[in-house]
Amino acid sequence: MELIKIEGLYKSYGNKAKTVEVLKGIDLQVLKGDIAAVVGASGVGKSTLLHLMGALDRPTRGSVFYRGERVFEQADKKLAMFRNRNIGFVFQFHHLLPEFTAVENVMMPVLIGGGDKTVARKSAEALLADVGLMERLHHKPGELSGGEQQRVAIARALVNSPDILLADEPTGNLDTHTGDEVFNLLLKFNKEKGITMIIVTHNERLANRMKRIFRMVDGKIYEETSREMAGV
């Protein structure tokens, strides 16, 4: 089933005097249950594409469809509600709130969406157990390792049971061993819970473990066959 469809997507920055065209006509389809890597040189527009897919920014022109509906026909307030309800985000840096505990950080998206506090806590605790942090519920980010902080960030991204997780270099700030552990956790959620994932990464080794690979070159995108799909 098609979850996201992108047609003729362009994104430019600047003004009439100087405009930088970052995305130059992107066409892309993402099916429910996909796990795909977006790779390419630094500055090629990978993060820009992810931000548009997640409705964090609006395109210069072109369309993003979510379950067949045009995303950017919604006003900003409705877009914010759409993001909170349907999309989870994980970034290179965890962006956890330092004054709150792990469980409180994970609860936050539910509370922001007007959800019940008791339900939010129960969901947060279950997810933290899933990511191996049941013993760290009441630790603040400063008391956690880098890998543990990113696990909390993943739990927070999934607490509203989104259809899709968008991750921008989720292992980029971690050492190889810790990064592999975090990546394996993402694979687990994709396989066991069917969560669709788009992961921007510079790590070709990790990219080749995903079902699909999208390579960005000069503002355009091309799909390659991953080693997983090729059975290598």
C-alpha atoms as a PDB file:
ATOM      1  CA  MET A   1       0.000   0.000   0.000  1.00  0.00           C
ATOM      2  CA  GLU A   2       1.352   3.432  -0.948  1.00  0.00           C
ATOM      3  CA  LEU A   3       1.992   5.581   2.118  1.00  0.00           C
ATOM      4  CA  ILE A   4       3.838   8.591   0.712  1.00  0.00           C
ATOM      5  CA  LYS A   5       4.027   9.820  -2.865  1.00  0.00           C
ATOM      6  CA  ILE A   6       6.169  12.748  -3.972  1.00  0.00           C
ATOM      7  CA  GLU A   7       5.663  14.408  -7.360  1.00  0.00           C
ATOM      8  CA  GLY A   8       7.834  17.084  -8.959  1.00  0.00           C
ATOM      9  CA  LEU A   9       9.253  18.344  -5.673  1.00  0.00           C
ATOM     10  CA  TYR A  10      11.443  21.461  -5.815  1.00  0.00           C
ATOM     11  CA  LYS A  11      12.977  23.424  -2.980  1.00  0.00           C
ATOM     12  CA  SER A  12      14.925  26.657  -3.323  1.00  0.00           C
ATOM     13  CA  TYR A  13      16.427  29.022  -0.785  1.00  0.00           C
ATOM     14  CA  GLY A  14      17.368  32.675  -1.108  1.00  0.00           C
ATOM     15  CA  ASN A  15      15.836  35.618  -2.925  1.00  0.00           C
ATOM     16  CA  LYS A  16      15.624  37.053  -6.437  1.00  0.00           C
ATOM     17  CA  ALA A  17      19.222  38.261  -6.258  1.00  0.00           C
ATOM     18  CA  LYS A  18      20.581  34.817  -5.354  1.00  0.00           C
ATOM     19  CA  THR A  19      18.657  31.566  -5.311  1.00  0.00           C
ATOM     20  CA  VAL A  20      20.035  28.154  -4.474  1.00  0.00           C
ATOM     21  CA  GLU A  21      17.983  25.290  -5.880  1.00  0.00           C
ATOM     22  CA  VAL A  22      18.460  22.300  -3.565  1.00  0.00           C
ATOM     23  CA  LEU A  23      15.827  19.863  -4.844  1.00  0.00           C
ATOM     24  CA  LYS A  24      15.258  19.775  -8.590  1.00  0.00           C
ATOM     25  CA  GLY A  25      12.190  17.698  -9.325  1.00  0.00           C
ATOM     26  CA  ILE A  26      12.017  14.743  -6.939  1.00  0.00           C
ATOM     27  CA  ASP A  27       9.619  11.869  -7.680  1.00  0.00           C
ATOM     28  CA  LEU A  28       9.369   9.162  -5.046  1.00  0.00           C
ATOM     29  CA  GLN A  29       7.014   6.513  -3.702  1.00  0.00           C
ATOM     30  CA  VAL A  30       7.187   4.927  -0.256  1.00  0.00           C
ATOM     31  CA  LEU A  31       5.134   1.840   0.520  1.00  0.00           C
ATOM     32  CA  LYS A  32       3.817   0.898   3.943  1.00  0.00           C
ATOM     33  CA  GLY A  33       6.412  -1.232   5.714  1.00  0.00           C
ATOM     34  CA  ASP A  34       9.347   0.003   3.626  1.00  0.00           C
ATOM     35  CA  ILE A  35      12.704   0.686   5.208  1.00  0.00           C
ATOM     36  CA  ALA A  36      14.800   2.862   2.910  1.00  0.00           C
ATOM     37  CA  ALA A  37      18.108   4.679   3.057  1.00  0.00           C
ATOM     38  CA  VAL A  38      18.724   8.102   1.559  1.00  0.00           C
ATOM     39  CA  VAL A  39      22.405   8.509   0.729  1.00  0.00           C
ATOM     40  CA  GLY A  40      24.557  11.039  -1.080  1.00  0.00           C
ATOM     41  CA  ALA A  41      27.298  13.608  -0.644  1.00  0.00           C
ATOM     42  CA  SER A  42      27.112  16.223   2.081  1.00  0.00           C
ATOM     43  CA  GLY A  43      24.954  19.202   1.121  1.00  0.00           C
ATOM     44  CA  VAL A  44      23.117  17.388  -1.659  1.00  0.00           C
ATOM     45  CA  GLY A  45      19.692  17.917  -0.052  1.00  0.00           C
ATOM     46  CA  LYS A  46      19.069  14.731   1.942  1.00  0.00           C
ATOM     47  CA  SER A  47      17.945  16.516   5.097  1.00  0.00           C
ATOM     48  CA  THR A  48      15.897  18.989   3.045  1.00  0.00           C
ATOM     49  CA  LEU A  49      14.020  16.096   1.450  1.00  0.00           C
ATOM     50  CA  LEU A  50      13.401  14.509   4.843  1.00  0.00           C
ATOM     51  CA  HIS A  51      12.064  17.785   6.251  1.00  0.00           C
ATOM     52  CA  LEU A  52       9.626  18.109   3.349  1.00  0.00           C
ATOM     53  CA  MET A  53       8.493  14.487   3.699  1.00  0.00           C
ATOM     54  CA  GLY A  54       7.819  15.177   7.369  1.00  0.00           C
ATOM     55  CA  ALA A  55       6.050  18.502   6.707  1.00  0.00           C
ATOM     56  CA  LEU A  56       8.652  20.409   8.738  1.00  0.00           C
ATOM     57  CA  ASP A  57       9.073  22.727   5.749  1.00  0.00           C
ATOM     58  CA  ARG A  58       7.055  23.549   2.645  1.00  0.00           C
ATOM     59  CA  PRO A  59       8.327  22.966  -0.909  1.00  0.00           C
ATOM     60  CA  THR A  60       8.876  25.716  -3.452  1.00  0.00           C
ATOM     61  CA  ARG A  61       6.651  23.673  -5.742  1.00  0.00           C
ATOM     62  CA  GLY A  62       5.531  20.109  -6.161  1.00  0.00           C
ATOM     63  CA  SER A  63       3.353  17.808  -4.087  1.00  0.00           C
ATOM     64  CA  VAL A  64       3.645  15.410  -1.175  1.00  0.00           C
ATOM     65  CA  PHE A  65       0.759  12.967  -0.768  1.00  0.00           C
ATOM     66  CA  TYR A  66       0.142  11.042   2.448  1.00  0.00           C
ATOM     67  CA  ARG A  67      -2.307   8.177   1.986  1.00  0.00           C
ATOM     68  CA  GLY A  68      -3.472   9.917  -1.170  1.00  0.00           C
ATOM     69  CA  GLU A  69      -4.110  13.303   0.478  1.00  0.00           C
ATOM     70  CA  ARG A  70      -2.107  16.423  -0.413  1.00  0.00           C
ATOM     71  CA  VAL A  71      -0.136  17.308   2.714  1.00  0.00           C
ATOM     72  CA  PHE A  72       0.588  20.954   1.978  1.00  0.00           C
ATOM     73  CA  GLU A  73      -3.003  21.979   1.359  1.00  0.00           C
ATOM     74  CA  GLN A  74      -3.351  22.061   5.153  1.00  0.00           C
ATOM     75  CA  ALA A  75      -2.810  25.216   7.217  1.00  0.00           C
ATOM     76  CA  ASP A  76       0.197  25.326   9.551  1.00  0.00           C
ATOM     77  CA  LYS A  77      -1.811  24.411  12.658  1.00  0.00           C
ATOM     78  CA  LYS A  78      -3.278  21.321  10.998  1.00  0.00           C
ATOM     79  CA  LEU A  79       0.159  20.418   9.639  1.00  0.00           C
ATOM     80  CA  ALA A  80       1.526  20.453  13.187  1.00  0.00           C
ATOM     81  CA  MET A  81      -1.259  18.106  14.309  1.00  0.00           C
ATOM     82  CA  PHE A  82      -0.600  15.868  11.294  1.00  0.00           C
ATOM     83  CA  ARG A  83       3.116  15.631  12.146  1.00  0.00           C
ATOM     84  CA  ASN A  84       2.505  14.848  15.807  1.00  0.00           C
ATOM     85  CA  ARG A  85      -0.052  12.152  15.036  1.00  0.00           C
ATOM     86  CA  ASN A  86       1.455  10.418  11.986  1.00  0.00           C
ATOM     87  CA  ILE A  87       5.213  10.983  11.824  1.00  0.00           C
ATOM     88  CA  GLY A  88       8.075  10.207  14.196  1.00  0.00           C
ATOM     89  CA  PHE A  89      11.392  12.032  13.926  1.00  0.00           C
ATOM     90  CA  VAL A  90      14.876  11.013  15.055  1.00  0.00           C
ATOM     91  CA  PHE A  91      17.854  13.284  14.447  1.00  0.00           C
ATOM     92  CA  GLN A  92      21.623  12.965  14.771  1.00  0.00           C
ATOM     93  CA  PHE A  93      21.455  14.778  18.109  1.00  0.00           C
ATOM     94  CA  HIS A  94      18.795  13.493  20.464  1.00  0.00           C
ATOM     95  CA  HIS A  95      17.188  16.876  21.340  1.00  0.00           C
ATOM     96  CA  LEU A  96      15.925  15.526  24.658  1.00  0.00           C
ATOM     97  CA  LEU A  97      14.780  18.061  27.245  1.00  0.00           C
ATOM     98  CA  PRO A  98      17.530  18.024  29.892  1.00  0.00           C
ATOM     99  CA  GLU A  99      15.312  18.896  32.854  1.00  0.00           C
ATOM    100  CA  PHE A 100      12.988  15.919  32.295  1.00  0.00           C
ATOM    101  CA  THR A 101      13.548  12.211  32.908  1.00  0.00           C
ATOM    102  CA  ALA A 102      13.660   9.604  30.146  1.00  0.00           C
ATOM    103  CA  VAL A 103      10.040   8.581  30.687  1.00  0.00           C
ATOM    104  CA  GLU A 104       8.881  12.221  30.818  1.00  0.00           C
ATOM    105  CA  ASN A 105      10.697  12.976  27.541  1.00  0.00           C
ATOM    106  CA  VAL A 106       9.010  10.016  25.849  1.00  0.00           C
ATOM    107  CA  MET A 107       5.583  11.035  27.176  1.00  0.00           C
ATOM    108  CA  MET A 108       5.879  14.544  25.736  1.00  0.00           C
ATOM    109  CA  PRO A 109       4.413  14.007  22.213  1.00  0.00           C
ATOM    110  CA  VAL A 110       1.309  12.358  23.693  1.00  0.00           C
ATOM    111  CA  LEU A 111       0.791  15.227  26.144  1.00  0.00           C
ATOM    112  CA  ILE A 112       1.353  17.839  23.434  1.00  0.00           C
ATOM    113  CA  GLY A 113      -1.365  16.126  21.405  1.00  0.00           C
ATOM    114  CA  GLY A 114      -3.767  16.377  24.341  1.00  0.00           C
ATOM    115  CA  GLY A 115      -3.497  12.737  25.369  1.00  0.00           C
ATOM    116  CA  ASP A 116      -4.161  11.318  28.830  1.00  0.00           C
ATOM    117  CA  LYS A 117      -1.170  11.453  31.196  1.00  0.00           C
ATOM    118  CA  THR A 118      -1.697   7.944  32.558  1.00  0.00           C
ATOM    119  CA  VAL A 119      -1.928   6.480  29.048  1.00  0.00           C
ATOM    120  CA  ALA A 120       1.138   8.484  28.000  1.00  0.00           C
ATOM    121  CA  ARG A 121       3.196   7.132  30.903  1.00  0.00           C
ATOM    122  CA  LYS A 122       2.135   3.543  30.243  1.00  0.00           C
ATOM    123  CA  SER A 123       3.047   3.831  26.538  1.00  0.00           C
ATOM    124  CA  ALA A 124       6.354   5.529  27.352  1.00  0.00           C
ATOM    125  CA  GLU A 125       7.345   2.869  29.871  1.00  0.00           C
ATOM    126  CA  ALA A 126       6.502   0.075  27.420  1.00  0.00           C
ATOM    127  CA  LEU A 127       8.604   1.652  24.680  1.00  0.00           C
ATOM    128  CA  LEU A 128      11.543   2.281  26.987  1.00  0.00           C
ATOM    129  CA  ALA A 129      11.363  -1.393  27.914  1.00  0.00           C
ATOM    130  CA  ASP A 130      11.383  -2.246  24.186  1.00  0.00           C
ATOM    131  CA  VAL A 131      14.592  -0.235  23.678  1.00  0.00           C
ATOM    132  CA  GLY A 132      16.252  -1.829  26.704  1.00  0.00           C
ATOM    133  CA  LEU A 133      15.994   1.072  29.140  1.00  0.00           C
ATOM    134  CA  MET A 134      13.486  -0.156  31.716  1.00  0.00           C
ATOM    135  CA  GLU A 135      16.074   0.453  34.445  1.00  0.00           C
ATOM    136  CA  ARG A 136      16.711   4.031  33.272  1.00  0.00           C
ATOM    137  CA  LEU A 137      13.165   5.437  33.303  1.00  0.00           C
ATOM    138  CA  HIS A 138      13.893   8.133  35.866  1.00  0.00           C
ATOM    139  CA  HIS A 139      17.344   9.169  34.666  1.00  0.00           C
ATOM    140  CA  LYS A 140      17.745  12.562  33.020  1.00  0.00           C
ATOM    141  CA  PRO A 141      19.555  12.840  29.659  1.00  0.00           C
ATOM    142  CA  GLY A 142      22.764  14.029  31.317  1.00  0.00           C
ATOM    143  CA  GLU A 143      22.876  10.758  33.264  1.00  0.00           C
ATOM    144  CA  LEU A 144      22.629   8.604  30.129  1.00  0.00           C
ATOM    145  CA  SER A 145      25.249   7.557  27.579  1.00  0.00           C
ATOM    146  CA  GLY A 146      25.037   8.748  23.970  1.00  0.00           C
ATOM    147  CA  GLY A 147      23.541   5.462  22.845  1.00  0.00           C
ATOM    148  CA  GLU A 148      21.004   5.488  25.663  1.00  0.00           C
ATOM    149  CA  GLN A 149      20.001   9.054  24.817  1.00  0.00           C
ATOM    150  CA  GLN A 150      19.369   8.044  21.203  1.00  0.00           C
ATOM    151  CA  ARG A 151      17.304   5.068  22.374  1.00  0.00           C
ATOM    152  CA  VAL A 152      15.135   7.453  24.390  1.00  0.00           C
ATOM    153  CA  ALA A 153      14.804   9.636  21.284  1.00  0.00           C
ATOM    154  CA  ILE A 154      13.633   6.603  19.274  1.00  0.00           C
ATOM    155  CA  ALA A 155      11.082   5.711  21.949  1.00  0.00           C
ATOM    156  CA  ARG A 156       9.828   9.309  21.941  1.00  0.00           C
ATOM    157  CA  ALA A 157       9.489   9.226  18.142  1.00  0.00           C
ATOM    158  CA  LEU A 158       7.359   6.074  18.344  1.00  0.00           C
ATOM    159  CA  VAL A 159       5.146   6.871  21.334  1.00  0.00           C
ATOM    160  CA  ASN A 160       2.236   8.098  19.188  1.00  0.00           C
ATOM    161  CA  SER A 161       2.401   4.923  17.051  1.00  0.00           C
ATOM    162  CA  PRO A 162       3.254   6.838  13.857  1.00  0.00           C
ATOM    163  CA  ASP A 163       2.922   5.253  10.435  1.00  0.00           C
ATOM    164  CA  ILE A 164       6.384   6.427   9.458  1.00  0.00           C
ATOM    165  CA  LEU A 165       9.672   7.206  11.172  1.00  0.00           C
ATOM    166  CA  LEU A 166      12.010   9.732   9.536  1.00  0.00           C
ATOM    167  CA  ALA A 167      15.576   9.535  10.829  1.00  0.00           C
ATOM    168  CA  ASP A 168      18.349  11.976   9.901  1.00  0.00           C
ATOM    169  CA  GLU A 169      21.793  10.425  10.566  1.00  0.00           C
ATOM    170  CA  PRO A 170      20.527   8.637  13.717  1.00  0.00           C
ATOM    171  CA  THR A 171      23.902   6.906  14.228  1.00  0.00           C
ATOM    172  CA  GLY A 172      26.099   9.769  13.003  1.00  0.00           C
ATOM    173  CA  ASN A 173      27.063  10.970  16.485  1.00  0.00           C
ATOM    174  CA  LEU A 174      27.813   7.491  17.860  1.00  0.00           C
ATOM    175  CA  ASP A 175      30.797   5.146  17.746  1.00  0.00           C
ATOM    176  CA  THR A 176      30.575   2.162  15.382  1.00  0.00           C
ATOM    177  CA  HIS A 177      29.470  -0.414  17.974  1.00  0.00           C
ATOM    178  CA  THR A 178      26.842   1.845  19.575  1.00  0.00           C
ATOM    179  CA  GLY A 179      25.661   2.996  16.156  1.00  0.00           C
ATOM    180  CA  ASP A 180      25.150  -0.605  15.067  1.00  0.00           C
ATOM    181  CA  GLU A 181      23.110  -1.292  18.207  1.00  0.00           C
ATOM    182  CA  VAL A 182      20.861   1.704  17.506  1.00  0.00           C
ATOM    183  CA  PHE A 183      20.487   0.720  13.857  1.00  0.00           C
ATOM    184  CA  ASN A 184      19.610  -2.870  14.811  1.00  0.00           C
ATOM    185  CA  LEU A 185      16.919  -1.452  17.068  1.00  0.00           C
ATOM    186  CA  LEU A 186      15.412   0.437  14.124  1.00  0.00           C
ATOM    187  CA  LEU A 187      15.483  -2.736  12.018  1.00  0.00           C
ATOM    188  CA  LYS A 188      13.696  -4.566  14.833  1.00  0.00           C
ATOM    189  CA  PHE A 189      10.861  -2.017  14.948  1.00  0.00           C
ATOM    190  CA  ASN A 190      10.512  -2.144  11.169  1.00  0.00           C
ATOM    191  CA  LYS A 191      10.351  -5.953  11.059  1.00  0.00           C
ATOM    192  CA  GLU A 192       8.306  -6.619  14.194  1.00  0.00           C
ATOM    193  CA  LYS A 193       5.927  -3.655  14.184  1.00  0.00           C
ATOM    194  CA  GLY A 194       5.845  -2.843  10.465  1.00  0.00           C
ATOM    195  CA  ILE A 195       6.826   0.795  10.995  1.00  0.00           C
ATOM    196  CA  THR A 196       7.818   2.443   7.722  1.00  0.00           C
ATOM    197  CA  MET A 197      11.244   4.094   7.936  1.00  0.00           C
ATOM    198  CA  ILE A 198      13.232   6.535   5.829  1.00  0.00           C
ATOM    199  CA  ILE A 199      16.774   6.910   7.129  1.00  0.00           C
ATOM    200  CA  VAL A 200      19.286   9.482   5.919  1.00  0.00           C
ATOM    201  CA  THR A 201      22.776   8.091   6.422  1.00  0.00           C
ATOM    202  CA  HIS A 202      26.325   8.588   5.164  1.00  0.00           C
ATOM    203  CA  ASN A 203      27.099   5.001   6.205  1.00  0.00           C
ATOM    204  CA  GLU A 204      26.982   2.859   3.047  1.00  0.00           C
ATOM    205  CA  ARG A 205      27.398  -0.337   5.081  1.00  0.00           C
ATOM    206  CA  LEU A 206      24.215   0.375   7.033  1.00  0.00           C
ATOM    207  CA  ALA A 207      22.411   1.592   3.919  1.00  0.00           C
ATOM    208  CA  ASN A 208      23.007  -1.766   2.230  1.00  0.00           C
ATOM    209  CA  ARG A 209      21.185  -3.542   5.046  1.00  0.00           C
ATOM    210  CA  MET A 210      17.929  -1.770   4.108  1.00  0.00           C
ATOM    211  CA  LYS A 211      15.369  -2.902   1.553  1.00  0.00           C
ATOM    212  CA  ARG A 212      15.688   0.196  -0.626  1.00  0.00           C
ATOM    213  CA  ILE A 213      18.397   2.784  -1.287  1.00  0.00           C
ATOM    214  CA  PHE A 214      17.723   6.246  -2.727  1.00  0.00           C
ATOM    215  CA  ARG A 215      20.852   8.087  -3.855  1.00  0.00           C
ATOM    216  CA  MET A 216      20.701  11.857  -4.214  1.00  0.00           C
ATOM    217  CA  VAL A 217      22.879  13.533  -6.840  1.00  0.00           C
ATOM    218  CA  ASP A 218      22.679  17.209  -7.804  1.00  0.00           C
ATOM    219  CA  GLY A 219      19.171  17.725  -6.443  1.00  0.00           C
ATOM    220  CA  LYS A 220      17.693  14.594  -8.035  1.00  0.00           C
ATOM    221  CA  ILE A 221      17.115  11.096  -6.692  1.00  0.00           C
ATOM    222  CA  TYR A 222      17.805   7.620  -8.078  1.00  0.00           C
ATOM    223  CA  GLU A 223      16.901   4.238  -6.627  1.00  0.00           C
ATOM    224  CA  GLU A 224      19.575   1.557  -6.348  1.00  0.00           C
ATOM    225  CA  THR A 225      19.393  -2.120  -5.475  1.00  0.00           C
ATOM    226  CA  SER A 226      20.558  -2.745  -1.918  1.00  0.00           C
ATOM    227  CA  ARG A 227      22.568  -5.830  -0.987  1.00  0.00           C
ATOM    228  CA  GLU A 228      19.595  -7.012   1.076  1.00  0.00           C
ATOM    229  CA  MET A 229      17.279  -6.859  -1.929  1.00  0.00           C
ATOM    230  CA  ALA A 230      19.955  -8.474  -4.110  1.00  0.00           C
ATOM    231  CA  GLY A 231      20.365 -11.267  -1.562  1.00  0.00           C
ATOM    232  CA  VAL A 232      24.073 -10.571  -1.075  1.00  0.00           C
END
